[in-house]
Amino acid sequence: MITNLLIQCFPTAAISRLDDMISALELPDVQLACCTLQDIINNSTSLSDPVILEVALELLDFIYASFPEAVTFKLYSKLVVGLKMLVGEENKISEQY
């Protein structure tokens, strides 16, 4: 599941190149999802792409469902609302053009 979400976020060539290295690290899916979500949120260019924002929402849901101790409900709800607002804002901008 995580690999499919990563493919949506990053170029397929990069994922195929890094897939063996990621597998070799044997990171839990939750940890990989947390790192990817943090990268999306910290990268300002990612925040202007509705597809990546949707992936961020899916990753956040996955993290909260798999390991609720990692994300309190208050933080989870703030992140969800913020990301959904960004998705809505980007959809409005794309409809204007």
PDB file of N, CA and C in Angstrom:
ATOM      1  N   MET A   1       0.817  -1.191   0.000  1.00  0.00           N
ATOM      2  CA  MET A   1       0.000   0.000   0.000  1.00  0.00           C
ATOM      3  C   MET A   1       0.863   1.258   0.000  1.00  0.00           C
ATOM      4  N   ILE A   2       1.846   1.284   0.859  1.00  0.00           N
ATOM      5  CA  ILE A   2       2.695   2.458   0.964  1.00  0.00           C
ATOM      6  C   ILE A   2       3.427   2.711  -0.345  1.00  0.00           C
ATOM      7  N   THR A   3       3.923   1.664  -0.983  1.00  0.00           N
ATOM      8  CA  THR A   3       4.643   1.833  -2.244  1.00  0.00           C
ATOM      9  C   THR A   3       3.742   2.456  -3.306  1.00  0.00           C
ATOM     10  N   ASN A   4       2.477   2.043  -3.352  1.00  0.00           N
ATOM     11  CA  ASN A   4       1.541   2.623  -4.319  1.00  0.00           C
ATOM     12  C   ASN A   4       1.337   4.114  -4.067  1.00  0.00           C
ATOM     13  N   LEU A   5       1.255   4.503  -2.803  1.00  0.00           N
ATOM     14  CA  LEU A   5       1.104   5.917  -2.476  1.00  0.00           C
ATOM     15  C   LEU A   5       2.360   6.698  -2.820  1.00  0.00           C
ATOM     16  N   LEU A   6       3.519   6.088  -2.589  1.00  0.00           N
ATOM     17  CA  LEU A   6       4.779   6.754  -2.924  1.00  0.00           C
ATOM     18  C   LEU A   6       4.903   6.977  -4.421  1.00  0.00           C
ATOM     19  N   ILE A   7       4.429   6.028  -5.210  1.00  0.00           N
ATOM     20  CA  ILE A   7       4.490   6.156  -6.662  1.00  0.00           C
ATOM     21  C   ILE A   7       3.667   7.356  -7.118  1.00  0.00           C
ATOM     22  N   GLN A   8       2.546   7.635  -6.428  1.00  0.00           N
ATOM     23  CA  GLN A   8       1.728   8.791  -6.780  1.00  0.00           C
ATOM     24  C   GLN A   8       2.436  10.099  -6.445  1.00  0.00           C
ATOM     25  N   CYS A   9       3.275  10.084  -5.415  1.00  0.00           N
ATOM     26  CA  CYS A   9       3.947  11.310  -4.957  1.00  0.00           C
ATOM     27  C   CYS A   9       5.221  11.620  -5.719  1.00  0.00           C
ATOM     28  N   PHE A  10       5.979  10.615  -6.012  1.00  0.00           N
ATOM     29  CA  PHE A  10       7.318  10.818  -6.542  1.00  0.00           C
ATOM     30  C   PHE A  10       7.443  10.154  -7.912  1.00  0.00           C
ATOM     31  N   PRO A  11       8.406  10.574  -8.700  1.00  0.00           N
ATOM     32  CA  PRO A  11       8.597   9.965 -10.022  1.00  0.00           C
ATOM     33  C   PRO A  11       8.816   8.460  -9.918  1.00  0.00           C
ATOM     34  N   THR A  12       8.217   7.729 -10.838  1.00  0.00           N
ATOM     35  CA  THR A  12       8.301   6.270 -10.819  1.00  0.00           C
ATOM     36  C   THR A  12       9.746   5.796 -10.908  1.00  0.00           C
ATOM     37  N   ALA A  13      10.563   6.475 -11.683  1.00  0.00           N
ATOM     38  CA  ALA A  13      11.971   6.078 -11.814  1.00  0.00           C
ATOM     39  C   ALA A  13      12.679   6.159 -10.477  1.00  0.00           C
ATOM     40  N   ALA A  14      12.385   7.198  -9.714  1.00  0.00           N
ATOM     41  CA  ALA A  14      13.022   7.347  -8.398  1.00  0.00           C
ATOM     42  C   ALA A  14      12.581   6.239  -7.466  1.00  0.00           C
ATOM     43  N   ILE A  15      11.298   5.904  -7.484  1.00  0.00           N
ATOM     44  CA  ILE A  15      10.794   4.842  -6.607  1.00  0.00           C
ATOM     45  C   ILE A  15      11.400   3.505  -6.995  1.00  0.00           C
ATOM     46  N   SER A  16      11.470   3.202  -8.290  1.00  0.00           N
ATOM     47  CA  SER A  16      12.033   1.918  -8.710  1.00  0.00           C
ATOM     48  C   SER A  16      13.512   1.830  -8.356  1.00  0.00           C
ATOM     49  N   ARG A  17      14.213   2.958  -8.440  1.00  0.00           N
ATOM     50  CA  ARG A  17      15.627   2.984  -8.067  1.00  0.00           C
ATOM     51  C   ARG A  17      15.810   2.785  -6.569  1.00  0.00           C
ATOM     52  N   LEU A  18      14.919   3.385  -5.815  1.00  0.00           N
ATOM     53  CA  LEU A  18      15.056   3.360  -4.364  1.00  0.00           C
ATOM     54  C   LEU A  18      14.327   2.194  -3.697  1.00  0.00           C
ATOM     55  N   ASP A  19      13.501   1.480  -4.447  1.00  0.00           N
ATOM     56  CA  ASP A  19      12.696   0.413  -3.861  1.00  0.00           C
ATOM     57  C   ASP A  19      13.547  -0.641  -3.160  1.00  0.00           C
ATOM     58  N   ASP A  20      14.636  -1.047  -3.801  1.00  0.00           N
ATOM     59  CA  ASP A  20      15.504  -2.052  -3.183  1.00  0.00           C
ATOM     60  C   ASP A  20      16.148  -1.526  -1.908  1.00  0.00           C
ATOM     61  N   MET A  21      16.554  -0.252  -1.936  1.00  0.00           N
ATOM     62  CA  MET A  21      17.174   0.331  -0.741  1.00  0.00           C
ATOM     63  C   MET A  21      16.158   0.469   0.390  1.00  0.00           C
ATOM     64  N   ILE A  22      14.934   0.872   0.053  1.00  0.00           N
ATOM     65  CA  ILE A  22      13.890   1.005   1.068  1.00  0.00           C
ATOM     66  C   ILE A  22      13.566  -0.355   1.652  1.00  0.00           C
ATOM     67  N   SER A  23      13.488  -1.368   0.803  1.00  0.00           N
ATOM     68  CA  SER A  23      13.219  -2.724   1.290  1.00  0.00           C
ATOM     69  C   SER A  23      14.346  -3.218   2.179  1.00  0.00           C
ATOM     70  N   ALA A  24      15.566  -2.877   1.834  1.00  0.00           N
ATOM     71  CA  ALA A  24      16.718  -3.314   2.618  1.00  0.00           C
ATOM     72  C   ALA A  24      16.725  -2.689   4.015  1.00  0.00           C
ATOM     73  N   LEU A  25      16.169  -1.489   4.132  1.00  0.00           N
ATOM     74  CA  LEU A  25      16.109  -0.830   5.443  1.00  0.00           C
ATOM     75  C   LEU A  25      15.120  -1.508   6.383  1.00  0.00           C
ATOM     76  N   GLU A  26      14.160  -2.223   5.805  1.00  0.00           N
ATOM     77  CA  GLU A  26      13.134  -2.927   6.569  1.00  0.00           C
ATOM     78  C   GLU A  26      12.400  -1.996   7.534  1.00  0.00           C
ATOM     79  N   LEU A  27      12.054  -0.801   7.038  1.00  0.00           N
ATOM     80  CA  LEU A  27      11.288   0.143   7.835  1.00  0.00           C
ATOM     81  C   LEU A  27       9.835  -0.310   7.924  1.00  0.00           C
ATOM     82  N   PRO A  28       9.232  -0.153   9.083  1.00  0.00           N
ATOM     83  CA  PRO A  28       7.792  -0.437   9.166  1.00  0.00           C
ATOM     84  C   PRO A  28       7.024   0.532   8.268  1.00  0.00           C
ATOM     85  N   ASP A  29       5.895   0.078   7.745  1.00  0.00           N
ATOM     86  CA  ASP A  29       5.087   0.922   6.855  1.00  0.00           C
ATOM     87  C   ASP A  29       4.688   2.235   7.525  1.00  0.00           C
ATOM     88  N   VAL A  30       4.395   2.174   8.821  1.00  0.00           N
ATOM     89  CA  VAL A  30       3.982   3.392   9.531  1.00  0.00           C
ATOM     90  C   VAL A  30       5.122   4.407   9.559  1.00  0.00           C
ATOM     91  N   GLN A  31       6.338   3.953   9.790  1.00  0.00           N
ATOM     92  CA  GLN A  31       7.475   4.869   9.835  1.00  0.00           C
ATOM     93  C   GLN A  31       7.730   5.483   8.454  1.00  0.00           C
ATOM     94  N   LEU A  32       7.632   4.681   7.425  1.00  0.00           N
ATOM     95  CA  LEU A  32       7.805   5.192   6.066  1.00  0.00           C
ATOM     96  C   LEU A  32       6.699   6.189   5.721  1.00  0.00           C
ATOM     97  N   ALA A  33       5.486   5.887   6.142  1.00  0.00           N
ATOM     98  CA  ALA A  33       4.369   6.802   5.903  1.00  0.00           C
ATOM     99  C   ALA A  33       4.574   8.124   6.639  1.00  0.00           C
ATOM    100  N   CYS A  34       5.069   8.065   7.877  1.00  0.00           N
ATOM    101  CA  CYS A  34       5.334   9.288   8.649  1.00  0.00           C
ATOM    102  C   CYS A  34       6.397  10.144   7.966  1.00  0.00           C
ATOM    103  N   CYS A  35       7.451   9.514   7.503  1.00  0.00           N
ATOM    104  CA  CYS A  35       8.528  10.258   6.816  1.00  0.00           C
ATOM    105  C   CYS A  35       8.018  10.890   5.530  1.00  0.00           C
ATOM    106  N   THR A  36       7.215  10.149   4.788  1.00  0.00           N
ATOM    107  CA  THR A  36       6.680  10.674   3.534  1.00  0.00           C
ATOM    108  C   THR A  36       5.731  11.829   3.790  1.00  0.00           C
ATOM    109  N   LEU A  37       4.862  11.683   4.803  1.00  0.00           N
ATOM    110  CA  LEU A  37       3.933  12.746   5.145  1.00  0.00           C
ATOM    111  C   LEU A  37       4.679  14.001   5.581  1.00  0.00           C
ATOM    112  N   GLN A  38       5.709  13.834   6.386  1.00  0.00           N
ATOM    113  CA  GLN A  38       6.495  14.981   6.824  1.00  0.00           C
ATOM    114  C   GLN A  38       7.157  15.670   5.633  1.00  0.00           C
ATOM    115  N   ASP A  39       7.671  14.881   4.693  1.00  0.00           N
ATOM    116  CA  ASP A  39       8.304  15.458   3.505  1.00  0.00           C
ATOM    117  C   ASP A  39       7.293  16.247   2.669  1.00  0.00           C
ATOM    118  N   ILE A  40       6.083  15.709   2.532  1.00  0.00           N
ATOM    119  CA  ILE A  40       5.042  16.401   1.758  1.00  0.00           C
ATOM    120  C   ILE A  40       4.691  17.726   2.421  1.00  0.00           C
ATOM    121  N   ILE A  41       4.505  17.714   3.735  1.00  0.00           N
ATOM    122  CA  ILE A  41       4.095  18.921   4.448  1.00  0.00           C
ATOM    123  C   ILE A  41       5.209  19.971   4.443  1.00  0.00           C
ATOM    124  N   ASN A  42       6.448  19.536   4.560  1.00  0.00           N
ATOM    125  CA  ASN A  42       7.564  20.481   4.591  1.00  0.00           C
ATOM    126  C   ASN A  42       7.953  21.016   3.220  1.00  0.00           C
ATOM    127  N   ASN A  43       7.539  20.350   2.159  1.00  0.00           N
ATOM    128  CA  ASN A  43       7.891  20.750   0.802  1.00  0.00           C
ATOM    129  C   ASN A  43       6.794  21.650   0.245  1.00  0.00           C
ATOM    130  N   SER A  44       7.085  22.920   0.085  1.00  0.00           N
ATOM    131  CA  SER A  44       6.057  23.871  -0.334  1.00  0.00           C
ATOM    132  C   SER A  44       5.533  23.597  -1.745  1.00  0.00           C
ATOM    133  N   THR A  45       6.339  22.998  -2.617  1.00  0.00           N
ATOM    134  CA  THR A  45       5.846  22.704  -3.967  1.00  0.00           C
ATOM    135  C   THR A  45       4.840  21.559  -3.950  1.00  0.00           C
ATOM    136  N   SER A  46       4.977  20.640  -2.989  1.00  0.00           N
ATOM    137  CA  SER A  46       4.016  19.543  -2.872  1.00  0.00           C
ATOM    138  C   SER A  46       2.647  20.057  -2.464  1.00  0.00           C
ATOM    139  N   LEU A  47       2.632  21.128  -1.702  1.00  0.00           N
ATOM    140  CA  LEU A  47       1.366  21.650  -1.189  1.00  0.00           C
ATOM    141  C   LEU A  47       0.525  22.322  -2.263  1.00  0.00           C
ATOM    142  N   SER A  48       1.070  22.489  -3.455  1.00  0.00           N
ATOM    143  CA  SER A  48       0.288  23.079  -4.540  1.00  0.00           C
ATOM    144  C   SER A  48      -0.228  22.027  -5.520  1.00  0.00           C
ATOM    145  N   ASP A  49       0.002  20.766  -5.229  1.00  0.00           N
ATOM    146  CA  ASP A  49      -0.450  19.681  -6.098  1.00  0.00           C
ATOM    147  C   ASP A  49      -1.583  18.913  -5.415  1.00  0.00           C
ATOM    148  N   PRO A  50      -2.815  18.998  -5.929  1.00  0.00           N
ATOM    149  CA  PRO A  50      -3.955  18.334  -5.292  1.00  0.00           C
ATOM    150  C   PRO A  50      -3.785  16.817  -5.173  1.00  0.00           C
ATOM    151  N   VAL A  51      -3.126  16.194  -6.139  1.00  0.00           N
ATOM    152  CA  VAL A  51      -2.930  14.738  -6.087  1.00  0.00           C
ATOM    153  C   VAL A  51      -2.051  14.366  -4.892  1.00  0.00           C
ATOM    154  N   ILE A  52      -0.989  15.116  -4.687  1.00  0.00           N
ATOM    155  CA  ILE A  52      -0.090  14.837  -3.565  1.00  0.00           C
ATOM    156  C   ILE A  52      -0.790  15.135  -2.246  1.00  0.00           C
ATOM    157  N   LEU A  53      -1.631  16.159  -2.220  1.00  0.00           N
ATOM    158  CA  LEU A  53      -2.386  16.452  -1.004  1.00  0.00           C
ATOM    159  C   LEU A  53      -3.356  15.324  -0.667  1.00  0.00           C
ATOM    160  N   GLU A  54      -3.973  14.736  -1.687  1.00  0.00           N
ATOM    161  CA  GLU A  54      -4.864  13.586  -1.460  1.00  0.00           C
ATOM    162  C   GLU A  54      -4.071  12.402  -0.910  1.00  0.00           C
ATOM    163  N   VAL A  55      -2.864  12.194  -1.437  1.00  0.00           N
ATOM    164  CA  VAL A  55      -1.999  11.129  -0.931  1.00  0.00           C
ATOM    165  C   VAL A  55      -1.630  11.401   0.525  1.00  0.00           C
ATOM    166  N   ALA A  56      -1.360  12.668   0.841  1.00  0.00           N
ATOM    167  CA  ALA A  56      -1.035  13.033   2.224  1.00  0.00           C
ATOM    168  C   ALA A  56      -2.194  12.701   3.156  1.00  0.00           C
ATOM    169  N   LEU A  57      -3.417  12.951   2.709  1.00  0.00           N
ATOM    170  CA  LEU A  57      -4.589  12.601   3.515  1.00  0.00           C
ATOM    171  C   LEU A  57      -4.690  11.095   3.716  1.00  0.00           C
ATOM    172  N   GLU A  58      -4.443  10.332   2.659  1.00  0.00           N
ATOM    173  CA  GLU A  58      -4.472   8.871   2.772  1.00  0.00           C
ATOM    174  C   GLU A  58      -3.390   8.371   3.719  1.00  0.00           C
ATOM    175  N   LEU A  59      -2.199   8.949   3.625  1.00  0.00           N
ATOM    176  CA  LEU A  59      -1.120   8.566   4.534  1.00  0.00           C
ATOM    177  C   LEU A  59      -1.476   8.890   5.976  1.00  0.00           C
ATOM    178  N   LEU A  60      -2.060  10.052   6.197  1.00  0.00           N
ATOM    179  CA  LEU A  60      -2.457  10.447   7.541  1.00  0.00           C
ATOM    180  C   LEU A  60      -3.503   9.492   8.099  1.00  0.00           C
ATOM    181  N   ASP A  61      -4.477   9.118   7.284  1.00  0.00           N
ATOM    182  CA  ASP A  61      -5.492   8.151   7.715  1.00  0.00           C
ATOM    183  C   ASP A  61      -4.849   6.804   8.039  1.00  0.00           C
ATOM    184  N   PHE A  62      -3.902   6.387   7.196  1.00  0.00           N
ATOM    185  CA  PHE A  62      -3.208   5.120   7.424  1.00  0.00           C
ATOM    186  C   PHE A  62      -2.442   5.142   8.744  1.00  0.00           C
ATOM    187  N   ILE A  63      -1.732   6.240   8.996  1.00  0.00           N
ATOM    188  CA  ILE A  63      -0.947   6.361  10.231  1.00  0.00           C
ATOM    189  C   ILE A  63      -1.871   6.343  11.441  1.00  0.00           C
ATOM    190  N   TYR A  64      -2.961   7.105  11.377  1.00  0.00           N
ATOM    191  CA  TYR A  64      -3.877   7.195  12.516  1.00  0.00           C
ATOM    192  C   TYR A  64      -4.552   5.854  12.780  1.00  0.00           C
ATOM    193  N   ALA A  65      -4.905   5.131  11.720  1.00  0.00           N
ATOM    194  CA  ALA A  65      -5.561   3.835  11.889  1.00  0.00           C
ATOM    195  C   ALA A  65      -4.588   2.767  12.387  1.00  0.00           C
ATOM    196  N   SER A  66      -3.344   2.826  11.909  1.00  0.00           N
ATOM    197  CA  SER A  66      -2.363   1.795  12.255  1.00  0.00           C
ATOM    198  C   SER A  66      -1.722   2.010  13.617  1.00  0.00           C
ATOM    199  N   PHE A  67      -1.508   3.276  13.957  1.00  0.00           N
ATOM    200  CA  PHE A  67      -0.751   3.574  15.170  1.00  0.00           C
ATOM    201  C   PHE A  67      -1.285   4.868  15.796  1.00  0.00           C
ATOM    202  N   PRO A  68      -2.477   4.806  16.405  1.00  0.00           N
ATOM    203  CA  PRO A  68      -3.101   6.025  16.915  1.00  0.00           C
ATOM    204  C   PRO A  68      -2.297   6.719  18.027  1.00  0.00           C
ATOM    205  N   GLU A  69      -1.396   5.995  18.655  1.00  0.00           N
ATOM    206  CA  GLU A  69      -0.573   6.602  19.701  1.00  0.00           C
ATOM    207  C   GLU A  69       0.409   7.626  19.111  1.00  0.00           C
ATOM    208  N   ALA A  70       0.710   7.487  17.845  1.00  0.00           N
ATOM    209  CA  ALA A  70       1.673   8.385  17.199  1.00  0.00           C
ATOM    210  C   ALA A  70       1.069   9.750  16.903  1.00  0.00           C
ATOM    211  N   VAL A  71      -0.239   9.782  16.689  1.00  0.00           N
ATOM    212  CA  VAL A  71      -0.915  11.031  16.340  1.00  0.00           C
ATOM    213  C   VAL A  71      -2.144  11.168  17.243  1.00  0.00           C
ATOM    214  N   THR A  72      -2.147  12.185  18.086  1.00  0.00           N
ATOM    215  CA  THR A  72      -3.324  12.408  18.922  1.00  0.00           C
ATOM    216  C   THR A  72      -4.491  12.824  18.038  1.00  0.00           C
ATOM    217  N   PHE A  73      -5.696  12.638  18.542  1.00  0.00           N
ATOM    218  CA  PHE A  73      -6.866  12.994  17.741  1.00  0.00           C
ATOM    219  C   PHE A  73      -6.885  14.485  17.425  1.00  0.00           C
ATOM    220  N   LYS A  74      -6.467  15.306  18.384  1.00  0.00           N
ATOM    221  CA  LYS A  74      -6.445  16.753  18.165  1.00  0.00           C
ATOM    222  C   LYS A  74      -5.516  17.116  17.004  1.00  0.00           C
ATOM    223  N   LEU A  75      -4.315  16.536  16.983  1.00  0.00           N
ATOM    224  CA  LEU A  75      -3.365  16.792  15.896  1.00  0.00           C
ATOM    225  C   LEU A  75      -3.891  16.223  14.586  1.00  0.00           C
ATOM    226  N   TYR A  76      -4.438  15.008  14.644  1.00  0.00           N
ATOM    227  CA  TYR A  76      -4.995  14.365  13.453  1.00  0.00           C
ATOM    228  C   TYR A  76      -6.082  15.248  12.830  1.00  0.00           C
ATOM    229  N   SER A  77      -6.995  15.734  13.657  1.00  0.00           N
ATOM    230  CA  SER A  77      -8.092  16.542  13.117  1.00  0.00           C
ATOM    231  C   SER A  77      -7.588  17.866  12.539  1.00  0.00           C
ATOM    232  N   LYS A  78      -6.602  18.485  13.185  1.00  0.00           N
ATOM    233  CA  LYS A  78      -6.037  19.731  12.647  1.00  0.00           C
ATOM    234  C   LYS A  78      -5.356  19.491  11.302  1.00  0.00           C
ATOM    235  N   LEU A  79      -4.604  18.401  11.201  1.00  0.00           N
ATOM    236  CA  LEU A  79      -3.932  18.090   9.936  1.00  0.00           C
ATOM    237  C   LEU A  79      -4.935  17.785   8.835  1.00  0.00           C
ATOM    238  N   VAL A  80      -5.968  17.018   9.158  1.00  0.00           N
ATOM    239  CA  VAL A  80      -6.978  16.675   8.151  1.00  0.00           C
ATOM    240  C   VAL A  80      -7.685  17.933   7.649  1.00  0.00           C
ATOM    241  N   VAL A  81      -8.114  18.785   8.569  1.00  0.00           N
ATOM    242  CA  VAL A  81      -8.812  20.009   8.172  1.00  0.00           C
ATOM    243  C   VAL A  81      -7.888  20.897   7.330  1.00  0.00           C
ATOM    244  N   GLY A  82      -6.640  21.058   7.764  1.00  0.00           N
ATOM    245  CA  GLY A  82      -5.693  21.883   7.011  1.00  0.00           C
ATOM    246  C   GLY A  82      -5.430  21.350   5.620  1.00  0.00           C
ATOM    247  N   LEU A  83      -5.223  20.048   5.507  1.00  0.00           N
ATOM    248  CA  LEU A  83      -4.966  19.452   4.183  1.00  0.00           C
ATOM    249  C   LEU A  83      -6.198  19.544   3.295  1.00  0.00           C
ATOM    250  N   LYS A  84      -7.385  19.316   3.857  1.00  0.00           N
ATOM    251  CA  LYS A  84      -8.602  19.405   3.052  1.00  0.00           C
ATOM    252  C   LYS A  84      -8.849  20.841   2.583  1.00  0.00           C
ATOM    253  N   MET A  85      -8.494  21.806   3.423  1.00  0.00           N
ATOM    254  CA  MET A  85      -8.621  23.202   2.997  1.00  0.00           C
ATOM    255  C   MET A  85      -7.685  23.491   1.830  1.00  0.00           C
ATOM    256  N   LEU A  86      -6.462  22.955   1.890  1.00  0.00           N
ATOM    257  CA  LEU A  86      -5.520  23.148   0.785  1.00  0.00           C
ATOM    258  C   LEU A  86      -6.018  22.483  -0.489  1.00  0.00           C
ATOM    259  N   VAL A  87      -6.596  21.281  -0.358  1.00  0.00           N
ATOM    260  CA  VAL A  87      -7.134  20.579  -1.525  1.00  0.00           C
ATOM    261  C   VAL A  87      -8.260  21.400  -2.136  1.00  0.00           C
ATOM    262  N   GLY A  88      -9.171  21.907  -1.306  1.00  0.00           N
ATOM    263  CA  GLY A  88     -10.276  22.719  -1.800  1.00  0.00           C
ATOM    264  C   GLY A  88      -9.803  23.994  -2.455  1.00  0.00           C
ATOM    265  N   GLU A  89      -8.794  24.626  -1.869  1.00  0.00           N
ATOM    266  CA  GLU A  89      -8.238  25.863  -2.418  1.00  0.00           C
ATOM    267  C   GLU A  89      -7.613  25.608  -3.783  1.00  0.00           C
ATOM    268  N   GLU A  90      -6.874  24.518  -3.917  1.00  0.00           N
ATOM    269  CA  GLU A  90      -6.230  24.192  -5.201  1.00  0.00           C
ATOM    270  C   GLU A  90      -7.279  23.858  -6.254  1.00  0.00           C
ATOM    271  N   ASN A  91      -8.365  23.174  -5.846  1.00  0.00           N
ATOM    272  CA  ASN A  91      -9.422  22.859  -6.810  1.00  0.00           C
ATOM    273  C   ASN A  91     -10.095  24.133  -7.316  1.00  0.00           C
ATOM    274  N   LYS A  92     -10.302  25.113  -6.435  1.00  0.00           N
ATOM    275  CA  LYS A  92     -10.906  26.381  -6.853  1.00  0.00           C
ATOM    276  C   LYS A  92      -9.998  27.117  -7.826  1.00  0.00           C
ATOM    277  N   ILE A  93      -8.696  27.123  -7.543  1.00  0.00           N
ATOM    278  CA  ILE A  93      -7.732  27.797  -8.420  1.00  0.00           C
ATOM    279  C   ILE A  93      -7.712  27.135  -9.791  1.00  0.00           C
ATOM    280  N   SER A  94      -7.707  25.791  -9.831  1.00  0.00           N
ATOM    281  CA  SER A  94      -7.655  25.090 -11.118  1.00  0.00           C
ATOM    282  C   SER A  94      -8.938  25.286 -11.913  1.00  0.00           C
ATOM    283  N   GLU A  95     -10.079  25.459 -11.234  1.00  0.00           N
ATOM    284  CA  GLU A  95     -11.340  25.695 -11.944  1.00  0.00           C
ATOM    285  C   GLU A  95     -11.362  27.077 -12.600  1.00  0.00           C
ATOM    286  N   GLN A  96     -10.643  28.048 -12.012  1.00  0.00           N
ATOM    287  CA  GLN A  96     -10.613  29.397 -12.573  1.00  0.00           C
ATOM    288  C   GLN A  96      -9.856  29.430 -13.882  1.00  0.00           C
ATOM    289  N   TYR A  97      -8.902  28.540 -14.060  1.00  0.00           N
ATOM    290  CA  TYR A  97      -8.072  28.537 -15.266  1.00  0.00           C
ATOM    291  C   TYR A  97      -8.474  27.442 -16.136  1.00  0.00           C
TER     292      TYR A  97
END
